[in-house]
């Protein structure tokens, strides 16, 4: 067949435009009836007419129904007419239009649901059903929806996300250095939803994978056949006492929030002497290098302004190493020494008093003893602990730490075979970066469609992530690595060297790739790996 068939239940399917030559294949697939939802006059009548189809269907023993509909003017009357047709026609029934979307929408209007506990034909205004539901409309949600529609243009997809804005977060570090316009990091969510996907602007209150359903904050239920979980993670600001009350004032900032990154630049550009504290919480966090990138870029500015010697800079890291991949530590240490930064490892920010310009850290010594240390500051760049969203943490999809538990290679859930996940919410051990999502979206799209077709899940995610370490204005160390810290460089250059070309990549190329390619399903350098062949 030259078109994709979407099966909604055992008695009803939809497809894109069919031709007379497709009828024998439709009969062979077991269909007994065909419904045409395209008006004969649409597109100047260049497609096969309803009268021609009716005669050809009769010759092949198919019952034919004609329910023409303008895609922009669907109504409940169309749903009622479909219900009547289905009551009179033998099943299974195949309905078609130009792309299949119109037929699918008419099916929704008919309120015919085929889910456990509801008989087919039951009207239920609180329950809607989709082939694929994507929870989250951030980088992961939009990218995987676009990748799915690239492979299956007629796929029935709903994206659930309450946000009205979509953010390109990797540039916020640059905003905090005054070299990127914060307004260029945000676009209306509505402008990015892929054509062919439906956006449900609601928050999810409950995941019910044992029933293939989702409950929304407004009480509505959504039924699905395949679920993709990618709501990101939650910035747990409340876990640092006093932090929320002083963010954005009193010298306390964070590049982890759109509205605060410009304040970082204000503080950096105005500080000429005093003490600057930078913090990094325990893993996992978004972009493990981002906390220290804020420190490098600030120090670079102070050095260029000739005031660095009057500023005491301290980087407090809850971990025990500067960076998780050992090969990048020596070149980073050279910048730490250049900027005369004091490193304090196993030091966790736990409390802030902005008005008094004081911060408290729990510091672990070599014997494992923890002491609370008070430190004054003139500027504090704080990074909060980061956790799985409560809706995932409190669901059957979570592992013991609250993350969505998936196979690290296929990204399929380990217990629910019709559930996949990608992005920051995953239980995988990769770095939580946009670069990781760029690879993961292709893996999930490929494997989900393979699962629907009963085929092996052949696409494999190798743990790829990338962290462009902005060590100074104009130079970046491009750290690319996969599971186990294996280096996975894209370019044939020594990845440990800070380069001007990589600064151009970070500041110009990657934002363009994000908006123009990744979110559009154009999979630049995103080909998934394949399983190793048996010897």
Protein backbone atom coordinates (compact mmCIF):
# COMPACT_ATOMS: atom_id res chain seq x y z
CA UNK A 1 0.00 0.00 0.00
CA UNK A 2 1.13 3.57 -0.66
CA UNK A 3 -0.51 4.90 2.54
CA UNK A 4 -0.33 4.25 6.28
CA UNK A 5 -3.24 2.64 8.11
CA UNK A 6 -3.89 3.67 11.71
CA UNK A 7 -5.93 1.10 13.59
CA UNK A 8 -8.13 2.73 16.26
CA UNK A 9 -9.89 -0.42 17.38
CA UNK A 10 -10.71 -3.85 15.98
CA UNK A 11 -13.54 -2.42 13.86
CA UNK A 12 -12.28 0.97 12.71
CA UNK A 13 -9.12 2.29 11.03
CA UNK A 14 -8.13 5.44 9.16
CA UNK A 15 -5.75 6.14 6.29
CA UNK A 16 -4.57 8.75 3.85
CA UNK A 17 -5.74 8.96 0.24
CA UNK A 18 -6.38 5.58 -1.38
CA UNK A 19 -6.57 4.73 -5.07
CA UNK A 20 -8.51 2.16 -7.07
CA UNK A 21 -5.37 0.03 -7.24
CA UNK A 22 -5.33 -0.22 -3.43
CA UNK A 23 -8.72 -1.92 -3.11
CA UNK A 24 -7.46 -5.52 -3.56
CA UNK A 25 -4.93 -4.90 -0.76
CA UNK A 26 -7.64 -3.43 1.46
CA UNK A 27 -9.76 -6.53 0.91
CA UNK A 28 -6.75 -8.76 1.62
CA UNK A 29 -6.17 -6.87 4.89
CA UNK A 30 -9.63 -7.98 6.03
CA UNK A 31 -11.63 -4.76 5.64
CA UNK A 32 -15.32 -5.08 4.72
CA UNK A 33 -16.25 -1.42 4.26
CA UNK A 34 -14.67 1.85 3.09
CA UNK A 35 -15.71 5.41 4.00
CA UNK A 36 -14.57 8.42 1.97
CA UNK A 37 -14.30 11.70 3.91
CA UNK A 38 -12.96 13.78 0.99
CA UNK A 39 -15.43 15.98 -0.91
CA UNK A 40 -15.29 15.26 -4.63
CA UNK A 41 -14.52 18.91 -5.42
CA UNK A 42 -11.53 19.12 -3.04
CA UNK A 43 -8.23 20.05 -4.73
CA UNK A 44 -10.09 20.57 -7.99
CA UNK A 45 -11.32 16.98 -8.05
CA UNK A 46 -7.89 15.61 -9.01
CA UNK A 47 -8.34 12.55 -6.79
CA UNK A 48 -10.57 9.57 -7.51
CA UNK A 49 -14.26 10.51 -7.18
CA UNK A 50 -16.73 8.95 -4.77
CA UNK A 51 -18.81 7.52 -7.62
CA UNK A 52 -15.78 5.81 -9.13
CA UNK A 53 -14.83 4.42 -5.72
CA UNK A 54 -18.36 3.23 -5.02
CA UNK A 55 -18.44 1.24 -8.23
CA UNK A 56 -14.95 -0.20 -7.71
CA UNK A 57 -15.70 -1.11 -4.08
CA UNK A 58 -18.87 -2.94 -5.15
CA UNK A 59 -16.81 -4.91 -7.69
CA UNK A 60 -14.48 -6.01 -4.85
CA UNK A 61 -17.28 -6.86 -2.44
CA UNK A 62 -16.68 -3.79 -0.26
CA UNK A 63 -19.48 -1.68 1.18
CA UNK A 64 -18.88 2.00 0.40
CA UNK A 65 -19.91 5.05 2.42
CA UNK A 66 -19.53 8.72 1.50
CA UNK A 67 -19.24 11.25 4.35
CA UNK A 68 -17.59 14.36 2.86
CA UNK A 69 -16.21 16.92 5.32
CA UNK A 70 -14.27 20.17 5.17
CA UNK A 71 -11.23 19.70 7.42
CA UNK A 72 -11.70 23.18 8.91
CA UNK A 73 -15.42 22.82 9.65
CA UNK A 74 -15.86 19.54 11.46
CA UNK A 75 -18.81 19.31 13.84
CA UNK A 76 -20.69 16.91 16.10
CA UNK A 77 -23.00 16.24 13.17
CA UNK A 78 -20.11 14.57 11.37
CA UNK A 79 -19.55 12.37 14.42
CA UNK A 80 -23.24 11.45 14.57
CA UNK A 81 -23.23 10.62 10.85
CA UNK A 82 -20.20 8.37 11.32
CA UNK A 83 -21.92 6.57 14.19
CA UNK A 84 -24.89 5.86 11.93
CA UNK A 85 -22.65 4.62 9.11
CA UNK A 86 -20.82 2.28 11.42
CA UNK A 87 -24.10 0.92 12.75
CA UNK A 88 -25.16 0.01 9.20
CA UNK A 89 -21.86 -1.10 7.64
CA UNK A 90 -20.07 -4.42 8.19
CA UNK A 91 -16.70 -4.15 9.90
CA UNK A 92 -13.82 -3.74 9.96
CA UNK A 93 -14.19 -0.31 8.36
CA UNK A 94 -11.45 1.80 6.76
CA UNK A 95 -12.13 5.56 6.53
CA UNK A 96 -9.83 7.82 4.54
CA UNK A 97 -9.17 11.44 3.58
CA UNK A 98 -6.17 13.26 2.12
CA UNK A 99 -3.87 12.56 5.11
CA UNK A 100 -6.02 10.52 7.50
CA UNK A 101 -6.22 13.31 10.10
CA UNK A 102 -9.72 14.42 9.12
CA UNK A 103 -11.06 10.87 9.33
CA UNK A 104 -9.41 10.49 12.73
CA UNK A 105 -10.97 13.73 13.99
CA UNK A 106 -14.42 12.64 12.84
CA UNK A 107 -13.87 9.39 14.73
CA UNK A 108 -13.11 11.42 17.86
CA UNK A 109 -16.29 13.41 17.37
CA UNK A 110 -18.22 10.16 17.23
CA UNK A 111 -17.05 9.48 20.81
CA UNK A 112 -16.38 5.84 20.01
CA UNK A 113 -13.91 4.55 22.56
CA UNK A 114 -12.34 1.12 22.67
CA UNK A 115 -10.69 0.92 26.09
CA UNK A 116 -11.00 -1.43 29.05
CA UNK A 117 -14.20 -0.80 30.99
CA UNK A 118 -15.98 1.08 28.19
CA UNK A 119 -17.96 -0.65 25.51
CA UNK A 120 -17.42 0.45 21.93
CA UNK A 121 -19.92 3.09 21.01
CA UNK A 122 -20.23 4.51 24.53
CA UNK A 123 -20.29 8.31 24.61
CA UNK A 124 -18.04 9.74 27.31
CA UNK A 125 -17.18 13.42 27.20
CA UNK A 126 -14.44 12.99 29.86
CA UNK A 127 -12.44 10.34 27.99
CA UNK A 128 -10.53 10.99 24.78
CA UNK A 129 -8.34 8.46 23.01
CA UNK A 130 -5.19 8.87 20.95
CA UNK A 131 -2.81 6.46 19.29
CA UNK A 132 0.23 8.18 20.82
CA UNK A 133 0.26 10.52 23.80
CA UNK A 134 3.36 12.56 24.62
CA UNK A 135 3.57 13.96 28.15
CA UNK A 136 5.70 17.10 27.92
CA UNK A 137 6.13 19.72 25.22
CA UNK A 138 9.71 20.73 25.91
CA UNK A 139 12.72 19.87 23.77
CA UNK A 140 12.06 16.14 24.04
CA UNK A 141 8.32 16.25 23.43
CA UNK A 142 8.43 18.46 20.33
CA UNK A 143 11.45 16.67 18.86
CA UNK A 144 10.03 13.17 19.26
CA UNK A 145 6.63 14.23 17.90
CA UNK A 146 8.32 15.65 14.81
CA UNK A 147 10.43 12.52 14.37
CA UNK A 148 7.33 10.33 14.64
CA UNK A 149 5.40 12.38 12.09
CA UNK A 150 8.38 12.28 9.75
CA UNK A 151 8.12 8.47 9.76
CA UNK A 152 4.34 8.15 10.10
CA UNK A 153 2.65 11.33 8.79
CA UNK A 154 -0.82 10.04 9.66
CA UNK A 155 0.02 9.12 13.24
CA UNK A 156 -2.59 10.32 15.72
CA UNK A 157 -0.52 12.22 18.32
CA UNK A 158 -1.43 14.37 21.30
CA UNK A 159 1.15 16.50 23.15
CA UNK A 160 0.16 17.38 26.71
CA UNK A 161 1.84 20.44 28.24
CA UNK A 162 0.40 23.42 30.14
CA UNK A 163 3.13 25.90 29.18
CA UNK A 164 2.42 28.74 26.76
CA UNK A 165 6.14 29.35 26.13
CA UNK A 166 8.97 27.11 24.96
CA UNK A 167 12.57 27.82 25.98
CA UNK A 168 16.00 27.11 24.52
CA UNK A 169 17.72 26.65 27.86
CA UNK A 170 21.32 25.96 26.70
CA UNK A 171 21.74 29.66 25.86
CA UNK A 172 20.91 30.89 29.36
CA UNK A 173 24.56 30.51 30.38
CA UNK A 174 25.44 32.90 27.54
CA UNK A 175 22.71 35.29 28.65
CA UNK A 176 24.37 35.31 32.07
CA UNK A 177 27.58 36.52 30.39
CA UNK A 178 25.86 39.24 28.38
CA UNK A 179 26.61 37.69 24.99
CA UNK A 180 23.13 36.36 24.10
CA UNK A 181 19.71 38.03 24.04
CA UNK A 182 17.38 36.26 26.46
CA UNK A 183 14.37 37.03 24.23
CA UNK A 184 15.92 34.85 21.52
CA UNK A 185 15.66 31.85 23.84
CA UNK A 186 11.84 31.82 24.02
CA UNK A 187 9.06 31.25 21.48
CA UNK A 188 5.32 30.64 21.77
CA UNK A 189 4.57 26.97 22.29
CA UNK A 190 1.77 27.15 19.71
CA UNK A 191 4.29 28.06 17.00
CA UNK A 192 6.29 24.87 17.59
CA UNK A 193 3.62 22.16 17.83
CA UNK A 194 4.22 19.99 14.72
CA UNK A 195 1.50 20.02 12.09
CA UNK A 196 -0.50 16.84 12.55
CA UNK A 197 -0.15 16.74 16.34
CA UNK A 198 -2.80 18.02 18.75
CA UNK A 199 -1.71 20.16 21.70
CA UNK A 200 -3.62 19.68 24.94
CA UNK A 201 -2.70 22.68 27.11
CA UNK A 202 -3.21 21.03 30.47
CA UNK A 203 -1.05 19.64 33.26
CA UNK A 204 -1.02 15.91 33.96
CA UNK A 205 -2.10 15.01 37.49
CA UNK A 206 -1.86 11.21 37.32
CA UNK A 207 -0.29 8.51 35.16
CA UNK A 208 -2.30 5.27 35.04
CA UNK A 209 -0.24 2.89 32.89
CA UNK A 210 -2.12 -0.21 34.11
CA UNK A 211 -5.20 1.23 32.39
CA UNK A 212 -3.46 3.02 29.48
CA UNK A 213 -4.80 6.33 30.70
CA UNK A 214 -3.72 9.75 31.93
CA UNK A 215 -5.66 12.07 34.19
CA UNK A 216 -5.41 15.81 33.61
CA UNK A 217 -5.61 18.56 36.21
CA UNK A 218 -9.08 19.47 34.98
CA UNK A 219 -10.29 15.91 35.66
CA UNK A 220 -10.38 14.74 32.03
CA UNK A 221 -9.11 11.27 31.19
CA UNK A 222 -6.92 10.60 28.16
CA UNK A 223 -6.64 7.06 26.80
CA UNK A 224 -3.65 6.00 24.72
CA UNK A 225 -2.21 3.02 22.90
CA UNK A 226 1.40 4.22 23.15
CA UNK A 227 2.77 6.65 25.76
CA UNK A 228 5.92 8.76 25.61
CA UNK A 229 6.99 10.28 28.93
CA UNK A 230 9.19 13.40 28.67
CA UNK A 231 8.10 16.12 31.12
CA UNK A 232 11.70 16.95 32.02
CA UNK A 233 12.75 17.32 35.63
CA UNK A 234 11.80 19.67 38.45
CA UNK A 235 14.09 22.33 39.89
CA UNK A 236 13.68 21.82 43.64
CA UNK A 237 14.45 25.36 44.80
CA UNK A 238 12.61 24.69 48.06
CA UNK A 239 15.26 22.18 49.15
CA UNK A 240 17.63 25.09 49.87
CA UNK A 241 16.23 27.00 52.83
CA UNK A 242 15.58 30.67 52.12
CA UNK A 243 16.64 30.51 48.47
CA UNK A 244 13.26 31.08 46.83
CA UNK A 245 12.65 34.20 48.90
CA UNK A 246 15.84 35.91 47.74
CA UNK A 247 16.25 34.81 44.12
CA UNK A 248 16.60 37.75 41.77
CA UNK A 249 17.69 40.19 44.49
CA UNK A 250 20.30 40.63 47.21
CA UNK A 251 23.01 39.39 44.84
CA UNK A 252 21.45 35.90 44.51
CA UNK A 253 20.89 34.55 41.00
CA UNK A 254 20.83 31.43 38.82
CA UNK A 255 21.23 30.76 35.11
CA UNK A 256 18.78 27.88 35.53
CA UNK A 257 15.83 30.25 35.16
CA UNK A 258 14.89 32.39 32.16
CA UNK A 259 14.01 35.44 34.24
CA UNK A 260 17.18 35.21 36.36
CA UNK A 261 19.89 34.79 33.71
CA UNK A 262 19.82 38.55 32.85
CA UNK A 263 20.22 39.30 36.57
CA UNK A 264 23.36 37.13 36.55
CA UNK A 265 24.84 39.41 33.91
CA UNK A 266 23.81 42.49 35.89
CA UNK A 267 25.64 41.18 38.95
CA UNK A 268 28.72 40.09 37.01
CA UNK A 269 29.03 43.37 35.13
CA UNK A 270 28.66 45.45 38.30
CA UNK A 271 30.90 43.48 40.68
CA UNK A 272 34.35 45.04 41.03
CA UNK A 273 35.41 43.59 44.37
CA UNK A 274 34.19 41.21 47.06
CA UNK A 275 33.32 37.50 47.15
CA UNK A 276 31.51 35.45 44.50
CA UNK A 277 30.17 32.01 45.38
CA UNK A 278 29.10 29.42 42.82
CA UNK A 279 27.32 26.19 43.79
CA UNK A 280 26.63 22.83 42.19
CA UNK A 281 24.24 20.29 43.76
CA UNK A 282 24.46 16.51 43.73
CA UNK A 283 23.83 14.71 40.45
CA UNK A 284 21.76 14.26 38.40
CA UNK A 285 21.19 17.79 37.10
CA UNK A 286 20.56 19.46 33.77
CA UNK A 287 23.88 19.87 31.97
CA UNK A 288 26.46 18.87 34.55
CA UNK A 289 28.85 21.56 33.31
CA UNK A 290 26.45 24.51 33.53
CA UNK A 291 27.25 25.50 37.15
CA UNK A 292 30.95 25.80 36.43
CA UNK A 293 30.35 27.44 33.04
CA UNK A 294 28.73 30.32 34.93
CA UNK A 295 31.87 30.58 37.03
CA UNK A 296 34.30 30.47 34.06
CA UNK A 297 32.44 33.12 32.07
CA UNK A 298 32.13 35.43 35.09
CA UNK A 299 35.82 35.12 35.87
CA UNK A 300 36.70 35.73 32.23
CA UNK A 301 34.79 39.01 32.31
CA UNK A 302 36.38 40.10 35.59
CA UNK A 303 39.81 39.23 34.23
CA UNK A 304 39.23 41.28 31.09
CA UNK A 305 38.03 44.19 33.22
CA UNK A 306 41.13 44.00 35.42
CA UNK A 307 39.17 43.38 38.64
CA UNK A 308 39.56 39.63 39.12
CA UNK A 309 42.33 40.08 41.70
CA UNK A 310 39.90 42.06 43.87
CA UNK A 311 37.28 39.28 43.76
CA UNK A 312 37.51 36.09 45.79
CA UNK A 313 35.89 33.31 43.71
CA UNK A 314 34.81 30.00 45.23
CA UNK A 315 33.17 27.04 43.53
CA UNK A 316 31.30 24.72 45.92
CA UNK A 317 30.62 21.33 44.35
CA UNK A 318 28.52 18.67 46.11
CA UNK A 319 30.46 16.05 44.13
CA UNK A 320 34.01 14.86 44.53
CA UNK A 321 35.36 15.76 41.06
CA UNK A 322 35.34 18.83 38.85
CA UNK A 323 33.84 16.91 35.91
CA UNK A 324 32.49 13.39 35.52
CA UNK A 325 34.68 12.44 32.53
CA UNK A 326 38.27 12.37 33.71
CA UNK A 327 39.94 13.34 30.41
CA UNK A 328 38.39 16.83 30.60
CA UNK A 329 39.52 17.58 34.14
CA UNK A 330 43.14 18.67 33.34
CA UNK A 331 42.16 21.31 30.73
CA UNK A 332 39.42 22.59 33.04
CA UNK A 333 41.86 22.77 35.94
CA UNK A 334 44.11 25.01 33.87
CA UNK A 335 41.24 27.52 33.70
CA UNK A 336 40.51 27.11 37.41
CA UNK A 337 44.13 28.04 38.07
CA UNK A 338 44.07 30.87 35.54
CA UNK A 339 41.08 32.40 37.30
CA UNK A 340 42.51 31.66 40.78
CA UNK A 341 39.28 29.97 41.81
CA UNK A 342 39.05 28.06 45.09
CA UNK A 343 37.46 24.63 44.65
CA UNK A 344 35.54 23.11 47.55
CA UNK A 345 34.37 19.56 46.88
CA UNK A 346 31.62 17.67 48.72
CA UNK A 347 30.17 21.03 49.73
CA UNK A 348 26.37 21.33 49.39
CA UNK A 349 24.45 24.61 49.55
CA UNK A 350 21.65 24.15 52.12
CA UNK A 351 20.58 27.63 53.27
CA UNK A 352 20.68 31.26 52.11
CA UNK A 353 19.96 34.56 53.84
CA UNK A 354 20.01 37.11 51.04
CA UNK A 355 19.54 40.20 53.16
CA UNK A 356 22.50 39.30 55.36
CA UNK A 357 24.52 38.06 52.34
CA UNK A 358 25.18 34.72 54.02
CA UNK A 359 25.10 31.15 52.68
CA UNK A 360 25.50 27.85 54.52
CA UNK A 361 27.07 24.70 53.13
CA UNK A 362 27.18 21.14 54.46
CA UNK A 363 30.77 20.05 53.90
CA UNK A 364 31.96 16.46 54.16
CA UNK A 365 35.54 15.79 55.27
CA UNK A 366 37.78 12.85 54.40
CA UNK A 367 36.39 10.78 57.25
CA UNK A 368 32.81 11.28 56.11
CA UNK A 369 31.92 13.77 58.84
CA UNK A 370 29.63 16.62 57.81
CA UNK A 371 29.94 20.14 59.21
CA UNK A 372 27.86 23.20 58.38
CA UNK A 373 29.92 26.18 57.27
CA UNK A 374 28.75 29.78 57.02
CA UNK A 375 30.09 31.88 54.15
CA UNK A 376 29.51 35.51 53.23
CA UNK A 377 29.05 36.65 49.65
CA UNK A 378 28.54 39.65 47.43
CA UNK A 379 27.26 37.47 44.60
CA UNK A 380 25.84 33.95 44.78
CA UNK A 381 25.10 31.85 41.71
CA UNK A 382 22.94 29.05 43.10
CA UNK A 383 21.95 25.82 41.35
CA UNK A 384 19.07 23.92 42.99
CA UNK A 385 18.79 20.16 43.53
CA UNK A 386 16.87 18.54 40.69
CA UNK A 387 14.31 15.74 40.97
CA UNK A 388 11.81 13.85 38.86
CA UNK A 389 8.40 15.53 38.48
CA UNK A 390 5.96 14.42 41.17
CA UNK A 391 3.54 12.98 38.60
CA UNK A 392 6.25 10.52 37.49
CA UNK A 393 7.77 9.95 40.92
CA UNK A 394 4.35 8.97 42.33
CA UNK A 395 3.46 6.66 39.43
CA UNK A 396 4.11 2.96 38.67
CA UNK A 397 6.55 4.13 35.98
CA UNK A 398 9.16 5.31 38.51
CA UNK A 399 12.23 3.54 39.81
CA UNK A 400 13.29 3.84 43.45
CA UNK A 401 14.76 7.30 42.80
CA UNK A 402 11.63 8.57 41.09
CA UNK A 403 12.87 8.56 37.47
CA UNK A 404 10.98 6.88 34.62
CA UNK A 405 12.55 3.43 34.48
CA UNK A 406 13.54 2.51 30.94
CA UNK A 407 15.94 0.19 29.19
CA UNK A 408 19.06 2.34 28.63
CA UNK A 409 19.46 1.25 25.01
CA UNK A 410 15.91 0.99 23.61
CA UNK A 411 14.37 3.64 25.95
CA UNK A 412 11.34 1.38 26.33
CA UNK A 413 9.92 1.06 29.84
CA UNK A 414 11.11 -2.07 31.61
CA UNK A 415 7.61 -3.08 32.80
CA UNK A 416 5.16 -1.38 30.43
CA UNK A 417 5.92 -2.28 26.84
CA UNK A 418 3.77 0.47 25.33
CA UNK A 419 5.61 3.19 27.26
CA UNK A 420 8.79 4.94 26.16
CA UNK A 421 10.64 7.87 27.73
CA UNK A 422 13.36 10.33 26.81
CA UNK A 423 14.94 13.51 28.08
CA UNK A 424 15.70 14.54 31.64
CA UNK A 425 13.04 12.31 33.23
CA UNK A 426 14.75 9.09 32.11
CA UNK A 427 16.45 6.71 34.52
CA UNK A 428 19.36 6.43 32.08
CA UNK A 429 22.83 7.43 33.29
CA UNK A 430 23.64 9.80 30.42
CA UNK A 431 24.25 13.52 30.84
CA UNK A 432 20.92 15.37 30.83
CA UNK A 433 21.48 17.67 27.86
CA UNK A 434 19.64 18.82 24.74
CA UNK A 435 22.28 16.98 22.71
CA UNK A 436 21.19 13.75 24.38
CA UNK A 437 17.56 14.46 23.48
CA UNK A 438 18.54 15.02 19.85
CA UNK A 439 19.74 11.40 19.70
CA UNK A 440 17.05 9.94 21.96
CA UNK A 441 14.15 11.34 19.92
CA UNK A 442 15.19 9.32 16.89
CA UNK A 443 15.60 6.15 18.96
CA UNK A 444 12.17 6.48 20.58
CA UNK A 445 10.42 7.33 17.31
CA UNK A 446 12.02 4.37 15.52
CA UNK A 447 11.44 1.87 18.32
CA UNK A 448 7.87 2.93 19.11
CA UNK A 449 6.78 2.47 15.50
CA UNK A 450 8.64 -0.83 15.34
CA UNK A 451 6.81 -1.99 18.46
CA UNK A 452 3.47 -1.01 16.90
CA UNK A 453 4.33 -3.09 13.84
CA UNK A 454 5.45 -6.08 15.91
CA UNK A 455 9.06 -5.68 14.78
CA UNK A 456 12.27 -5.84 16.88
CA UNK A 457 13.41 -2.61 18.53
CA UNK A 458 16.56 -2.16 16.47
CA UNK A 459 17.49 1.45 17.30
CA UNK A 460 19.93 1.83 20.18
CA UNK A 461 20.87 4.84 22.29
CA UNK A 462 24.55 4.84 23.26
CA UNK A 463 24.28 7.40 26.06
CA UNK A 464 25.49 10.27 23.90
CA UNK A 465 25.49 13.68 25.52
CA UNK A 466 27.39 16.87 24.86
CA UNK A 467 28.49 19.66 27.14
CA UNK A 468 30.04 22.69 25.41
CA UNK A 469 32.17 24.01 28.28
CA UNK A 470 32.36 27.78 27.82
CA UNK A 471 35.67 28.38 29.58
CA UNK A 472 36.05 31.95 28.31
CA UNK A 473 34.32 34.33 25.94
CA UNK A 474 35.28 33.10 22.48
CA UNK A 475 36.46 29.59 23.41
CA UNK A 476 34.71 26.34 24.24
CA UNK A 477 35.83 22.83 25.16
CA UNK A 478 33.35 20.50 23.47
CA UNK A 479 32.87 17.48 25.74
CA UNK A 480 30.96 14.71 23.95
CA UNK A 481 30.62 11.34 25.63
CA UNK A 482 28.34 8.36 26.14
CA UNK A 483 27.67 5.68 28.69
CA UNK A 484 30.62 4.97 30.97
CA UNK A 485 32.32 8.22 29.95
CA UNK A 486 33.24 6.86 26.51
CA UNK A 487 34.33 9.73 24.27
CA UNK A 488 32.01 10.19 21.27
CA UNK A 489 33.43 13.21 19.41
CA UNK A 490 31.57 14.43 16.34
CA UNK A 491 34.60 16.11 14.82
CA UNK A 492 38.14 14.79 14.24
CA UNK A 493 39.76 17.25 16.61
CA UNK A 494 41.24 16.91 20.08
CA UNK A 495 38.11 17.45 22.23
CA UNK A 496 40.10 18.60 25.26
CA UNK A 497 41.31 21.81 23.57
CA UNK A 498 39.31 25.04 23.91
CA UNK A 499 38.57 26.34 20.40
CA UNK A 500 37.10 29.45 18.80
CA UNK A 501 35.32 27.30 16.21
CA UNK A 502 33.44 25.55 19.00
CA UNK A 503 32.38 28.93 20.42
CA UNK A 504 30.81 29.66 17.03
CA UNK A 505 29.15 26.24 17.16
CA UNK A 506 27.76 26.95 20.63
CA UNK A 507 26.58 30.51 20.06
CA UNK A 508 25.39 30.39 16.44
CA UNK A 509 25.14 26.93 14.91
CA UNK A 510 23.49 24.97 17.72
CA UNK A 511 20.64 27.46 18.36
CA UNK A 512 19.87 27.35 14.62
CA UNK A 513 20.01 23.54 14.63
CA UNK A 514 17.63 23.48 17.58
CA UNK A 515 14.92 25.74 16.16
CA UNK A 516 15.24 24.85 12.47
CA UNK A 517 16.23 21.18 12.48
CA UNK A 518 15.76 19.31 15.76
CA UNK A 519 12.27 20.59 16.55
CA UNK A 520 11.24 20.09 12.92
CA UNK A 521 12.18 16.40 12.73
CA UNK A 522 15.26 17.08 10.59
CA UNK A 523 17.64 14.72 12.32
CA UNK A 524 21.08 16.31 11.92
CA UNK A 525 23.82 13.93 13.14
CA UNK A 526 21.22 11.94 15.08
CA UNK A 527 21.37 8.49 13.49
CA UNK A 528 20.88 5.86 16.22
CA UNK A 529 23.25 2.95 16.68
CA UNK A 530 22.23 -0.61 15.88
CA UNK A 531 22.58 -3.81 17.95
CA UNK A 532 25.86 -5.61 17.52
CA UNK A 533 25.60 -8.56 15.15
CA UNK A 534 26.11 -12.03 16.57
CA UNK A 535 29.56 -13.42 15.73
